[in-house]
N, C-alpha and C. Protein backbone atom coordinates (compact mmCIF):
# COMPACT_ATOMS: atom_id res chain seq x y z
N MET A 1 107.76 92.69 87.57
CA MET A 1 107.48 94.10 87.78
C MET A 1 105.81 94.63 87.14
N LEU A 2 105.77 93.84 86.21
CA LEU A 2 104.23 93.81 86.09
C LEU A 2 103.45 94.27 87.09
N TRP A 3 103.64 93.22 88.25
CA TRP A 3 102.60 93.31 88.88
C TRP A 3 103.17 94.00 90.47
N SER A 4 104.22 95.19 90.61
CA SER A 4 104.61 95.81 91.08
C SER A 4 104.19 97.30 90.84
N ILE A 5 103.93 97.35 89.03
CA ILE A 5 103.48 98.75 88.79
C ILE A 5 101.44 98.45 88.44
N SER A 6 101.32 97.58 88.72
CA SER A 6 99.80 97.57 88.63
C SER A 6 99.27 97.90 89.72
N PRO A 7 98.02 98.78 89.95
CA PRO A 7 97.27 99.11 90.64
C PRO A 7 96.75 97.78 91.65
N PHE A 8 96.61 96.80 91.06
CA PHE A 8 96.03 96.02 91.99
C PHE A 8 96.63 94.98 92.69
N GLY A 9 98.22 95.48 93.38
CA GLY A 9 99.25 94.62 94.20
C GLY A 9 100.35 95.63 94.61
N GLU A 10 100.91 96.32 93.41
CA GLU A 10 102.12 97.05 93.95
C GLU A 10 103.24 95.83 94.21
N ALA A 11 104.18 96.73 94.96
CA ALA A 11 105.26 95.07 95.35
C ALA A 11 104.62 94.41 96.30
N LYS A 12 103.34 94.84 97.02
CA LYS A 12 102.79 93.85 97.60
C LYS A 12 102.43 92.19 97.25
N VAL A 13 102.43 92.34 95.79
CA VAL A 13 101.86 91.51 95.02
C VAL A 13 102.86 90.98 94.64
N GLY A 14 103.84 91.66 93.77
CA GLY A 14 105.02 91.44 92.98
C GLY A 14 106.19 90.84 93.42
N ILE A 15 106.52 90.74 94.73
CA ILE A 15 107.44 90.64 95.95
C ILE A 15 107.03 89.22 95.85
N PRO A 16 105.72 88.65 96.62
CA PRO A 16 105.87 87.07 96.36
C PRO A 16 105.43 86.58 95.59
N ILE A 17 105.37 86.92 93.96
CA ILE A 17 104.78 86.16 93.41
C ILE A 17 106.56 85.79 92.39
N GLY A 18 107.02 86.65 92.75
CA GLY A 18 108.68 86.87 92.05
C GLY A 18 109.47 85.86 92.66
N LEU A 19 109.28 85.95 94.39
CA LEU A 19 110.29 85.17 95.40
C LEU A 19 109.35 83.22 94.90
N ASN A 20 108.45 83.18 94.66
CA ASN A 20 107.98 82.27 94.15
C ASN A 20 108.30 81.49 93.25
N SER A 21 109.40 82.43 92.22
CA SER A 21 109.87 81.85 91.42
C SER A 21 111.09 81.72 91.46
N ASP A 22 111.99 81.04 90.59
CA ASP A 22 113.25 80.39 90.72
C ASP A 22 114.14 81.97 90.57
N ALA A 23 113.74 83.20 90.58
CA ALA A 23 114.67 84.07 90.28
C ALA A 23 115.38 84.53 91.61
N ASN A 24 116.56 85.46 90.97
CA ASN A 24 117.18 85.95 92.53
C ASN A 24 116.86 87.07 93.54
N PRO A 25 116.50 86.66 94.37
CA PRO A 25 115.53 87.52 95.31
C PRO A 25 115.67 89.18 95.75
N TYR A 26 117.26 88.76 95.78
CA TYR A 26 117.70 90.20 95.48
C TYR A 26 117.21 91.13 94.66
N VAL A 27 117.72 90.44 92.90
CA VAL A 27 116.94 91.29 91.95
C VAL A 27 115.41 91.36 91.88
N ILE A 28 114.78 90.65 92.58
CA ILE A 28 112.84 90.27 92.44
C ILE A 28 113.03 91.83 93.53
N PHE A 29 113.60 91.82 94.56
CA PHE A 29 113.58 93.35 95.64
C PHE A 29 113.70 94.36 94.62
N VAL A 30 114.83 94.50 93.79
CA VAL A 30 115.57 95.76 93.21
C VAL A 30 114.37 95.69 91.98
N ALA A 31 113.77 95.16 91.33
CA ALA A 31 113.10 95.23 90.39
C ALA A 31 111.37 95.91 90.52
N ALA A 32 111.02 95.18 92.14
CA ALA A 32 109.58 95.41 92.08
C ALA A 32 109.82 96.93 92.87
N PHE A 33 110.89 97.44 93.79
CA PHE A 33 110.63 98.15 94.36
C PHE A 33 110.78 99.50 92.89
N VAL A 34 111.86 99.47 92.31
CA VAL A 34 111.83 100.36 90.73
C VAL A 34 110.56 100.44 89.94
N ALA A 35 109.76 99.35 89.88
CA ALA A 35 108.73 99.21 89.25
C ALA A 35 108.09 100.22 90.23
N ASN A 36 107.82 99.92 91.31
CA ASN A 36 106.67 100.85 92.21
C ASN A 36 107.24 102.32 92.43
N VAL A 37 108.69 102.79 92.69
CA VAL A 37 109.03 103.78 92.35
C VAL A 37 108.11 104.64 91.20
N LEU A 38 108.15 103.82 89.92
CA LEU A 38 107.96 104.60 88.62
C LEU A 38 106.47 105.26 88.67
N VAL A 39 106.00 104.45 89.53
CA VAL A 39 104.14 104.82 89.30
C VAL A 39 104.13 106.07 89.63
N PHE A 40 104.71 106.82 90.64
CA PHE A 40 104.34 107.87 91.07
C PHE A 40 104.76 109.24 90.16
N PRO A 41 105.97 108.89 89.25
CA PRO A 41 105.44 110.33 88.05
C PRO A 41 104.32 109.61 87.02
N VAL A 42 104.55 108.65 86.67
CA VAL A 42 103.35 108.55 85.88
C VAL A 42 102.04 108.94 86.32
N MET A 43 101.56 108.60 87.40
CA MET A 43 100.53 108.71 87.96
C MET A 43 100.25 110.46 87.92
N ILE A 44 100.92 111.03 88.59
CA ILE A 44 101.21 112.45 88.46
C ILE A 44 100.96 112.90 86.92
N PHE A 45 101.57 112.38 85.91
CA PHE A 45 101.46 112.98 84.49
C PHE A 45 100.20 113.03 84.15
N PHE A 46 99.35 111.69 84.57
CA PHE A 46 98.27 110.91 84.04
C PHE A 46 97.16 112.28 84.62
N LEU A 47 97.43 112.14 86.27
CA LEU A 47 96.32 113.35 87.06
C LEU A 47 96.63 114.57 86.46
N ASP A 48 97.14 114.93 86.31
CA ASP A 48 97.78 116.89 85.66
C ASP A 48 97.46 117.06 84.59
N HIS A 49 97.55 115.85 83.23
CA HIS A 49 97.18 116.28 81.98
C HIS A 49 96.22 115.02 81.09
N VAL A 50 96.00 113.93 81.61
CA VAL A 50 95.32 113.38 81.22
C VAL A 50 93.87 113.13 82.03
N ASN A 51 93.46 113.38 83.14
CA ASN A 51 92.58 113.20 84.01
C ASN A 51 91.62 114.00 83.84
N ARG A 52 92.05 115.66 83.00
CA ARG A 52 91.23 116.17 82.92
C ARG A 52 90.08 116.26 81.90
N TYR A 53 90.71 115.70 80.88
CA TYR A 53 90.10 115.57 79.63
C TYR A 53 88.90 113.87 79.84
N LEU A 54 89.50 113.11 80.76
CA LEU A 54 88.77 112.13 81.02
C LEU A 54 87.30 112.19 81.74
N LEU A 55 87.79 112.95 82.65
CA LEU A 55 86.51 113.81 83.67
C LEU A 55 85.41 114.37 83.06
N ARG A 56 85.06 114.44 81.21
CA ARG A 56 84.25 114.95 80.68
C ARG A 56 83.37 113.78 80.52
N TRP A 57 83.63 112.70 80.59
CA TRP A 57 82.66 111.76 80.14
C TRP A 57 82.56 111.09 81.31
N ARG A 58 81.14 110.64 81.79
CA ARG A 58 80.35 110.68 83.11
C ARG A 58 80.62 109.22 83.67
N PHE A 59 81.35 108.12 82.84
CA PHE A 59 81.50 107.00 83.98
C PHE A 59 82.64 107.15 84.37
N TYR A 60 83.87 108.09 83.97
CA TYR A 60 85.01 108.04 84.35
C TYR A 60 84.89 108.84 85.56
N LYS A 61 84.10 109.74 85.52
CA LYS A 61 83.76 110.76 86.33
C LYS A 61 83.44 110.22 87.63
N LYS A 62 82.42 109.40 87.53
CA LYS A 62 81.86 108.64 88.85
C LYS A 62 82.58 107.81 89.48
N GLY A 63 83.84 106.96 88.76
CA GLY A 63 84.67 106.07 89.30
C GLY A 63 85.87 107.13 89.91
N ALA A 64 86.26 108.04 89.41
CA ALA A 64 86.81 109.60 89.85
C ALA A 64 86.66 110.01 91.04
N LEU A 65 85.35 110.18 90.90
CA LEU A 65 85.23 110.63 92.18
C LEU A 65 84.96 110.07 93.39
N PHE A 66 84.49 108.76 93.29
CA PHE A 66 84.73 107.45 94.15
C PHE A 66 85.95 107.55 94.69
N VAL A 67 86.76 107.08 93.69
CA VAL A 67 88.25 106.93 94.02
C VAL A 67 88.24 107.98 95.33
N ALA A 68 88.63 109.40 94.24
CA ALA A 68 88.92 110.74 95.22
C ALA A 68 88.48 110.26 96.68
N ARG A 69 87.31 110.66 96.60
CA ARG A 69 86.57 110.41 98.23
C ARG A 69 86.85 109.45 99.45
N LYS A 70 87.28 108.07 98.61
CA LYS A 70 87.91 106.94 99.30
C LYS A 70 89.22 107.30 99.99
N ALA A 71 89.76 107.73 99.04
CA ALA A 71 91.44 108.67 99.16
C ALA A 71 91.22 109.64 100.52
N LYS A 72 90.57 110.68 100.30
CA LYS A 72 90.51 111.41 101.29
C LYS A 72 90.02 110.85 102.59
N ARG A 73 88.83 110.47 102.75
CA ARG A 73 88.59 109.77 104.16
C ARG A 73 89.88 108.86 104.43
N GLY A 74 90.05 108.09 103.58
CA GLY A 74 91.39 107.30 104.39
C GLY A 74 92.84 107.96 105.03
N ALA A 75 93.14 109.02 104.00
CA ALA A 75 94.43 109.55 104.12
C ALA A 75 94.35 110.88 104.90
N LYS A 76 93.24 111.64 104.80
CA LYS A 76 93.18 113.26 105.40
C LYS A 76 93.67 113.57 106.67
N ASP A 77 93.28 112.32 107.40
CA ASP A 77 93.85 112.82 109.25
C ASP A 77 95.49 112.68 108.90
N LYS A 78 95.63 111.93 108.44
CA LYS A 78 97.03 111.20 109.12
C LYS A 78 97.85 112.73 107.89
N ILE A 79 97.83 112.56 106.89
CA ILE A 79 98.90 113.60 106.29
C ILE A 79 98.28 115.02 106.54
N GLN A 80 96.91 115.25 106.85
CA GLN A 80 96.92 116.88 106.94
C GLN A 80 97.71 116.93 108.48
N LYS A 81 97.68 115.96 109.62
CA LYS A 81 97.98 116.48 110.83
C LYS A 81 99.56 115.63 110.32
N TYR A 82 100.20 115.14 109.78
CA TYR A 82 101.56 115.03 109.74
C TYR A 82 102.51 115.11 108.98
N GLY A 83 101.48 115.60 107.61
CA GLY A 83 102.56 115.91 106.58
C GLY A 83 103.74 115.06 105.64
N PHE A 84 104.37 115.41 105.59
CA PHE A 84 105.72 114.29 105.24
C PHE A 84 105.46 112.78 105.87
N TRP A 85 105.25 112.95 106.60
CA TRP A 85 105.91 111.38 107.76
C TRP A 85 104.23 111.03 107.61
N GLY A 86 103.17 111.69 107.48
CA GLY A 86 101.78 110.86 107.42
C GLY A 86 101.93 110.58 106.09
N LEU A 87 102.05 111.20 105.44
CA LEU A 87 102.07 110.53 103.73
C LEU A 87 103.14 109.16 103.81
N MET A 88 104.38 109.43 104.09
CA MET A 88 105.05 108.33 104.19
C MET A 88 104.42 107.16 104.93
N PHE A 89 103.86 106.84 106.23
CA PHE A 89 103.47 105.80 106.91
C PHE A 89 102.40 105.67 105.89
N PHE A 90 101.56 106.31 105.52
CA PHE A 90 100.26 106.06 104.56
C PHE A 90 100.90 105.06 103.81
N VAL A 91 101.80 105.17 102.65
CA VAL A 91 102.47 104.25 101.91
C VAL A 91 102.99 103.45 102.37
N MET A 92 103.64 103.09 103.16
CA MET A 92 104.64 102.09 104.01
C MET A 92 103.60 100.94 104.19
N ILE A 93 102.37 101.26 104.68
CA ILE A 93 101.48 100.27 105.46
C ILE A 93 101.63 99.22 104.41
N PRO A 94 101.54 97.95 104.05
CA PRO A 94 101.48 97.17 103.37
C PRO A 94 100.47 96.48 103.38
N ILE A 95 98.99 97.29 103.27
CA ILE A 95 97.81 96.74 103.30
C ILE A 95 97.21 97.03 102.16
N PRO A 96 96.06 96.57 101.84
CA PRO A 96 95.23 96.74 100.60
C PRO A 96 94.66 98.15 100.90
N GLY A 97 94.42 98.95 99.65
CA GLY A 97 94.33 100.32 100.04
C GLY A 97 95.21 101.52 100.09
N THR A 98 96.69 101.16 100.29
CA THR A 98 97.60 102.00 100.95
C THR A 98 98.85 101.93 99.65
N GLY A 99 99.52 102.54 100.00
CA GLY A 99 100.18 102.15 98.59
C GLY A 99 100.56 103.52 97.76
N VAL A 100 101.71 103.48 96.51
CA VAL A 100 102.16 104.73 95.70
C VAL A 100 101.03 105.10 95.45
N TYR A 101 99.98 104.19 94.52
CA TYR A 101 98.84 105.15 93.75
C TYR A 101 97.82 105.86 95.22
N ALA A 102 97.72 105.20 95.81
CA ALA A 102 96.76 105.75 97.00
C ALA A 102 97.64 107.04 97.43
N GLY A 103 98.72 107.05 97.61
CA GLY A 103 99.97 108.40 98.30
C GLY A 103 99.77 108.84 96.72
N THR A 104 99.74 108.77 95.70
CA THR A 104 99.74 109.69 94.48
C THR A 104 98.85 110.24 94.63
N ILE A 105 97.56 109.81 94.32
CA ILE A 105 96.20 110.50 94.77
C ILE A 105 95.72 111.43 95.63
N ALA A 106 96.57 110.86 97.13
CA ALA A 106 96.42 111.84 97.95
C ALA A 106 97.12 113.18 97.63
N THR A 107 98.08 112.53 97.49
CA THR A 107 99.32 114.09 96.43
C THR A 107 98.58 115.17 96.08
N TYR A 108 97.94 114.73 94.90
CA TYR A 108 97.17 115.12 94.13
C TYR A 108 96.29 116.11 94.65
N LEU A 109 95.21 115.51 95.61
CA LEU A 109 93.82 116.01 95.90
C LEU A 109 94.67 117.08 97.22
N PHE A 110 95.41 116.88 97.75
CA PHE A 110 96.03 117.90 98.93
C PHE A 110 96.70 119.24 98.35
N ASN A 111 96.99 118.73 97.01
CA ASN A 111 98.12 119.90 96.72
C ASN A 111 99.48 119.79 97.40
N ILE A 112 99.95 118.53 97.78
CA ILE A 112 101.50 118.18 98.60
C ILE A 112 102.33 118.77 97.52
N GLU A 113 103.50 119.50 98.20
CA GLU A 113 104.34 119.88 97.20
C GLU A 113 105.27 118.25 96.50
N ARG A 114 105.29 118.86 95.14
CA ARG A 114 105.68 117.12 94.46
C ARG A 114 106.91 116.24 94.86
N LYS A 115 108.37 117.00 95.06
CA LYS A 115 109.31 116.73 95.41
C LYS A 115 109.36 115.76 96.88
N LYS A 116 108.80 116.61 97.97
CA LYS A 116 108.49 116.38 99.13
C LYS A 116 107.81 114.90 99.05
N ALA A 117 106.33 114.78 98.38
CA ALA A 117 106.01 113.87 98.24
C ALA A 117 106.20 112.69 97.23
N PHE A 118 106.79 112.85 96.51
CA PHE A 118 107.93 112.29 95.53
C PHE A 118 108.81 111.34 96.84
N ALA A 119 109.68 112.15 97.93
CA ALA A 119 110.45 111.68 98.47
C ALA A 119 109.87 110.52 100.06
N ALA A 120 108.58 111.27 99.91
CA ALA A 120 107.87 110.49 101.15
C ALA A 120 107.33 109.16 100.41
N ASN A 121 107.26 109.13 99.20
CA ASN A 121 106.66 107.71 98.61
C ASN A 121 107.70 106.83 98.13
N VAL A 122 108.49 107.08 98.01
CA VAL A 122 110.03 106.46 97.77
C VAL A 122 110.13 106.01 98.88
N ILE A 123 110.68 106.36 100.24
CA ILE A 123 110.91 106.08 101.15
C ILE A 123 109.58 105.20 101.97
N GLY A 124 108.32 105.65 101.74
CA GLY A 124 107.28 104.49 101.94
C GLY A 124 107.15 102.95 101.11
N ILE A 125 107.67 103.59 100.03
CA ILE A 125 107.64 102.05 99.08
C ILE A 125 108.75 101.51 99.59
N PHE A 126 110.08 101.89 99.93
CA PHE A 126 111.04 101.16 100.09
C PHE A 126 110.79 100.18 101.62
N PHE A 127 110.14 101.04 102.85
CA PHE A 127 110.19 100.50 103.93
C PHE A 127 108.65 99.58 103.74
N SER A 128 108.28 99.61 102.54
CA SER A 128 106.90 98.75 102.67
C SER A 128 107.67 97.27 102.04
N SER A 129 108.29 97.55 100.86
CA SER A 129 108.93 96.32 100.07
C SER A 129 109.75 95.56 101.10
N VAL A 130 110.53 96.34 101.73
CA VAL A 130 111.38 95.40 103.10
C VAL A 130 110.31 94.50 103.60
N ILE A 131 109.30 95.52 104.27
CA ILE A 131 108.08 94.18 105.02
C ILE A 131 108.10 93.18 103.91
N VAL A 132 107.31 92.96 103.41
CA VAL A 132 106.84 92.01 102.58
C VAL A 132 108.04 91.21 101.79
N TRP A 133 108.85 91.66 101.44
CA TRP A 133 110.28 90.68 100.84
C TRP A 133 110.89 89.93 102.48
N VAL A 134 111.25 90.48 103.13
CA VAL A 134 111.62 89.75 104.36
C VAL A 134 110.52 88.79 105.05
N THR A 135 108.90 89.53 105.15
CA THR A 135 108.16 88.40 105.41
C THR A 135 108.08 86.81 104.25
N PHE A 136 108.15 87.38 102.94
CA PHE A 136 107.98 86.46 102.09
C PHE A 136 108.96 85.41 102.09
N TYR A 137 110.61 86.19 102.07
CA TYR A 137 111.35 85.71 101.72
C TYR A 137 111.80 84.33 103.04
N PHE A 138 111.94 84.96 103.84
CA PHE A 138 112.23 84.24 105.15
C PHE A 138 110.18 83.03 105.25
N GLY A 139 109.54 83.31 104.92
CA GLY A 139 108.49 82.22 104.94
C GLY A 139 108.53 81.43 104.09
N PHE A 140 108.98 81.90 102.89
CA PHE A 140 108.93 80.62 101.86
C PHE A 140 110.15 79.65 102.22
N SER A 141 111.26 80.48 102.65
CA SER A 141 112.43 79.53 102.97
C SER A 141 112.29 78.87 104.02
N PHE A 142 111.18 78.64 105.30
CA PHE A 142 111.05 78.04 105.97
C PHE A 142 110.05 77.09 105.92
N PHE A 143 109.38 76.81 104.57
CA PHE A 143 108.65 75.85 104.24
C PHE A 143 109.60 74.77 103.11
N ASP A 144 110.76 75.25 102.46
CA ASP A 144 111.16 74.32 102.00
C ASP A 144 112.06 73.53 102.71
């Protein structure tokens, strides 16, 4: 679950690590998915309330602007053109740089309605988790 909450991998890393253990693969999927879903409300709270205070510090502001520019560059066209579906697809792709952290930052930067953005993130996380789970579950069983 901790890997699924982490910005260094989300469920894309949490699921393979969990499947490599002796735990129930279905419990691993649910735990990684739920942990990844919880990132959205925590990040929105952080961006709405904590971020404005941290922006006073130069080193934080420099990093935050770098991340914001990168998120805008990576998601702007897809999200502005396709809205809900673009955000969902952006979160769904299981590659580095996409996922719920990037989706939440895009939600914040583009002022997307929070309920729709949450739904798009949850659906995207679900499909991303299914893709990763199926790939690694059957991949690991292939080698057994």
